[in-house]
Amino acid sequence: MSEYRLDIEGPLQLSDYSNINDYMGVIGENDRVTIVIDKDLVGDIEMLGSMLNGGDFTIQTKGGKEDEKVYITAHRKGH
């Protein structure tokens, strides 16, 4: 099992979603990814959750920390 991390700074643009989708395509079965994003970017957080769910990922945790960030941890389902 491999672990990936994606730190997102600032609001996402349409092209960023395409890049993130490409990045998620690299993640293999049973691998885990942690996405870190500013807690004020609620719309982007929800969109990332939808992308993960639609990409065969299971979200394990989604929550904030003291550093004003939201951490979304997910793993890709094995077949």
N, C-alpha and C. Protein backbone atom coordinates (compact mmCIF):
# COMPACT_ATOMS: atom_id res chain seq x y z
N MET A 1 0.85 -1.17 0.00
CA MET A 1 0.00 0.00 0.00
C MET A 1 0.89 1.24 0.00
N SER A 2 0.61 2.13 -0.93
CA SER A 2 1.33 3.41 -1.00
C SER A 2 0.48 4.50 -0.39
N GLU A 3 1.15 5.57 0.06
CA GLU A 3 0.45 6.71 0.62
C GLU A 3 0.83 7.96 -0.17
N TYR A 4 -0.19 8.75 -0.51
CA TYR A 4 -0.02 9.98 -1.27
C TYR A 4 -0.55 11.14 -0.44
N ARG A 5 -0.04 12.33 -0.73
CA ARG A 5 -0.50 13.53 -0.05
C ARG A 5 -0.59 14.65 -1.07
N LEU A 6 -1.69 15.39 -0.99
CA LEU A 6 -1.91 16.52 -1.89
C LEU A 6 -2.25 17.73 -1.04
N ASP A 7 -1.36 18.72 -1.02
CA ASP A 7 -1.59 19.96 -0.29
C ASP A 7 -2.08 21.01 -1.26
N ILE A 8 -3.28 21.54 -1.00
CA ILE A 8 -3.88 22.52 -1.89
C ILE A 8 -3.85 23.88 -1.21
N GLU A 9 -3.27 24.84 -1.90
CA GLU A 9 -3.17 26.21 -1.39
C GLU A 9 -4.10 27.10 -2.20
N GLY A 10 -5.02 27.78 -1.55
CA GLY A 10 -5.91 28.71 -2.22
C GLY A 10 -7.06 28.03 -2.93
N PRO A 11 -8.00 28.83 -3.43
CA PRO A 11 -9.17 28.28 -4.11
C PRO A 11 -8.80 27.58 -5.41
N LEU A 12 -9.57 26.57 -5.75
CA LEU A 12 -9.32 25.79 -6.96
C LEU A 12 -9.99 26.42 -8.18
N GLN A 13 -9.29 26.34 -9.29
CA GLN A 13 -9.82 26.76 -10.58
C GLN A 13 -10.27 25.50 -11.33
N LEU A 14 -11.02 25.67 -12.39
CA LEU A 14 -11.52 24.54 -13.16
C LEU A 14 -10.39 23.63 -13.63
N SER A 15 -9.31 24.19 -14.09
CA SER A 15 -8.19 23.38 -14.56
C SER A 15 -7.54 22.59 -13.42
N ASP A 16 -7.62 23.10 -12.20
CA ASP A 16 -7.07 22.39 -11.05
C ASP A 16 -7.81 21.08 -10.81
N TYR A 17 -9.13 21.10 -11.00
CA TYR A 17 -9.92 19.87 -10.81
C TYR A 17 -9.48 18.80 -11.80
N SER A 18 -9.19 19.20 -13.03
CA SER A 18 -8.71 18.26 -14.03
C SER A 18 -7.37 17.66 -13.61
N ASN A 19 -6.47 18.50 -13.11
CA ASN A 19 -5.17 18.02 -12.65
C ASN A 19 -5.31 17.07 -11.46
N ILE A 20 -6.20 17.40 -10.55
CA ILE A 20 -6.43 16.55 -9.38
C ILE A 20 -7.01 15.21 -9.82
N ASN A 21 -7.93 15.24 -10.78
CA ASN A 21 -8.51 14.01 -11.29
C ASN A 21 -7.43 13.12 -11.92
N ASP A 22 -6.52 13.74 -12.67
CA ASP A 22 -5.40 12.99 -13.25
C ASP A 22 -4.52 12.40 -12.15
N TYR A 23 -4.26 13.17 -11.11
CA TYR A 23 -3.44 12.71 -9.98
C TYR A 23 -4.09 11.50 -9.31
N MET A 24 -5.42 11.55 -9.13
CA MET A 24 -6.11 10.44 -8.48
C MET A 24 -6.06 9.17 -9.34
N GLY A 25 -5.89 9.34 -10.66
CA GLY A 25 -5.76 8.19 -11.54
C GLY A 25 -4.49 7.40 -11.32
N VAL A 26 -3.48 8.03 -10.74
CA VAL A 26 -2.21 7.37 -10.46
C VAL A 26 -2.31 6.48 -9.22
N ILE A 27 -3.22 6.79 -8.34
CA ILE A 27 -3.35 6.07 -7.07
C ILE A 27 -3.96 4.70 -7.32
N GLY A 28 -3.27 3.66 -6.87
CA GLY A 28 -3.70 2.29 -7.13
C GLY A 28 -4.65 1.74 -6.07
N GLU A 29 -5.09 0.52 -6.32
CA GLU A 29 -5.99 -0.16 -5.38
C GLU A 29 -5.34 -0.27 -4.01
N ASN A 30 -6.13 -0.03 -2.99
CA ASN A 30 -5.72 -0.13 -1.59
C ASN A 30 -4.69 0.93 -1.18
N ASP A 31 -4.39 1.88 -2.05
CA ASP A 31 -3.50 2.99 -1.69
C ASP A 31 -4.31 4.05 -0.95
N ARG A 32 -3.61 4.88 -0.21
CA ARG A 32 -4.27 5.93 0.57
C ARG A 32 -3.78 7.30 0.14
N VAL A 33 -4.69 8.27 0.17
CA VAL A 33 -4.36 9.65 -0.16
C VAL A 33 -4.88 10.57 0.94
N THR A 34 -4.10 11.57 1.28
CA THR A 34 -4.52 12.60 2.20
C THR A 34 -4.49 13.92 1.45
N ILE A 35 -5.63 14.61 1.44
CA ILE A 35 -5.74 15.91 0.80
C ILE A 35 -5.87 16.96 1.90
N VAL A 36 -5.05 17.99 1.83
CA VAL A 36 -5.05 19.06 2.83
C VAL A 36 -5.48 20.34 2.11
N ILE A 37 -6.51 21.01 2.66
CA ILE A 37 -7.06 22.20 2.03
C ILE A 37 -7.53 23.17 3.11
N ASP A 38 -7.52 24.45 2.80
CA ASP A 38 -7.96 25.48 3.73
C ASP A 38 -9.41 25.26 4.15
N LYS A 39 -9.71 25.36 5.42
CA LYS A 39 -11.05 25.06 5.95
C LYS A 39 -12.13 26.00 5.43
N ASP A 40 -11.76 27.17 4.93
CA ASP A 40 -12.74 28.14 4.44
C ASP A 40 -13.22 27.85 3.02
N LEU A 41 -12.62 26.89 2.35
CA LEU A 41 -12.96 26.57 0.97
C LEU A 41 -14.01 25.45 0.92
N VAL A 42 -15.16 25.72 1.51
CA VAL A 42 -16.20 24.71 1.70
C VAL A 42 -16.64 24.09 0.37
N GLY A 43 -16.86 24.89 -0.65
CA GLY A 43 -17.29 24.37 -1.94
C GLY A 43 -16.26 23.44 -2.56
N ASP A 44 -14.99 23.81 -2.45
CA ASP A 44 -13.92 22.95 -2.97
C ASP A 44 -13.82 21.66 -2.18
N ILE A 45 -14.01 21.73 -0.88
CA ILE A 45 -13.95 20.53 -0.04
C ILE A 45 -15.05 19.55 -0.45
N GLU A 46 -16.25 20.06 -0.66
CA GLU A 46 -17.36 19.19 -1.08
C GLU A 46 -17.11 18.59 -2.46
N MET A 47 -16.57 19.38 -3.37
CA MET A 47 -16.28 18.88 -4.71
C MET A 47 -15.21 17.79 -4.66
N LEU A 48 -14.19 17.98 -3.84
CA LEU A 48 -13.15 16.97 -3.71
C LEU A 48 -13.73 15.67 -3.15
N GLY A 49 -14.64 15.79 -2.19
CA GLY A 49 -15.30 14.60 -1.64
C GLY A 49 -16.09 13.87 -2.72
N SER A 50 -16.79 14.60 -3.55
CA SER A 50 -17.55 13.99 -4.64
C SER A 50 -16.62 13.32 -5.65
N MET A 51 -15.50 13.97 -5.94
CA MET A 51 -14.53 13.37 -6.87
C MET A 51 -13.97 12.07 -6.31
N LEU A 52 -13.66 12.07 -5.03
CA LEU A 52 -13.13 10.85 -4.41
C LEU A 52 -14.17 9.74 -4.45
N ASN A 53 -15.39 10.04 -4.07
CA ASN A 53 -16.44 9.02 -4.07
C ASN A 53 -16.68 8.48 -5.48
N GLY A 54 -16.65 9.35 -6.47
CA GLY A 54 -16.85 8.93 -7.84
C GLY A 54 -15.66 8.19 -8.44
N GLY A 55 -14.52 8.28 -7.79
CA GLY A 55 -13.30 7.65 -8.29
C GLY A 55 -12.96 6.36 -7.57
N ASP A 56 -13.96 5.73 -6.98
CA ASP A 56 -13.77 4.44 -6.28
C ASP A 56 -12.95 4.57 -5.00
N PHE A 57 -13.03 5.71 -4.36
CA PHE A 57 -12.36 5.92 -3.08
C PHE A 57 -13.38 5.85 -1.95
N THR A 58 -12.94 5.43 -0.80
CA THR A 58 -13.73 5.48 0.42
C THR A 58 -13.09 6.52 1.32
N ILE A 59 -13.86 7.53 1.72
CA ILE A 59 -13.33 8.55 2.61
C ILE A 59 -13.32 7.99 4.03
N GLN A 60 -12.14 7.96 4.64
CA GLN A 60 -11.99 7.43 5.98
C GLN A 60 -12.19 8.51 7.03
N THR A 61 -11.57 9.65 6.82
CA THR A 61 -11.72 10.76 7.76
C THR A 61 -11.82 12.06 6.99
N LYS A 62 -12.51 13.00 7.58
CA LYS A 62 -12.63 14.33 6.99
C LYS A 62 -12.82 15.27 8.16
N GLY A 63 -11.80 16.05 8.48
CA GLY A 63 -11.94 16.92 9.62
C GLY A 63 -10.88 17.99 9.68
N GLY A 64 -11.12 18.95 10.56
CA GLY A 64 -10.22 20.08 10.70
C GLY A 64 -9.21 19.87 11.81
N LYS A 65 -8.21 20.65 11.75
CA LYS A 65 -7.15 20.66 12.76
C LYS A 65 -6.95 22.09 13.23
N GLU A 66 -6.09 22.27 14.19
CA GLU A 66 -5.83 23.59 14.74
C GLU A 66 -5.17 24.53 13.74
N ASP A 67 -4.61 24.02 12.68
CA ASP A 67 -3.89 24.86 11.73
C ASP A 67 -4.78 25.43 10.63
N GLU A 68 -6.12 25.45 10.84
CA GLU A 68 -7.07 26.05 9.91
C GLU A 68 -7.18 25.29 8.58
N LYS A 69 -6.82 24.02 8.58
CA LYS A 69 -6.87 23.19 7.38
C LYS A 69 -7.86 22.05 7.61
N VAL A 70 -8.37 21.50 6.51
CA VAL A 70 -9.19 20.30 6.55
C VAL A 70 -8.36 19.18 5.92
N TYR A 71 -8.37 18.04 6.57
CA TYR A 71 -7.64 16.87 6.11
C TYR A 71 -8.66 15.82 5.68
N ILE A 72 -8.59 15.41 4.42
CA ILE A 72 -9.46 14.36 3.91
C ILE A 72 -8.57 13.17 3.62
N THR A 73 -8.80 12.06 4.30
CA THR A 73 -8.05 10.84 4.08
C THR A 73 -8.97 9.81 3.46
N ALA A 74 -8.51 9.22 2.36
CA ALA A 74 -9.32 8.24 1.65
C ALA A 74 -8.43 7.12 1.13
N HIS A 75 -9.04 5.98 0.88
CA HIS A 75 -8.29 4.91 0.22
C HIS A 75 -9.08 4.40 -0.97
N ARG A 76 -8.36 3.96 -1.97
CA ARG A 76 -9.00 3.43 -3.17
C ARG A 76 -9.39 1.99 -2.90
N LYS A 77 -10.62 1.68 -3.21
CA LYS A 77 -11.16 0.34 -2.99
C LYS A 77 -10.46 -0.67 -3.89
N GLY A 78 -10.22 -1.84 -3.32
CA GLY A 78 -9.70 -2.95 -4.11
C GLY A 78 -10.85 -3.72 -4.74
N HIS A 79 -10.60 -4.35 -5.85
CA HIS A 79 -11.68 -5.09 -6.52
C HIS A 79 -11.61 -6.55 -6.21
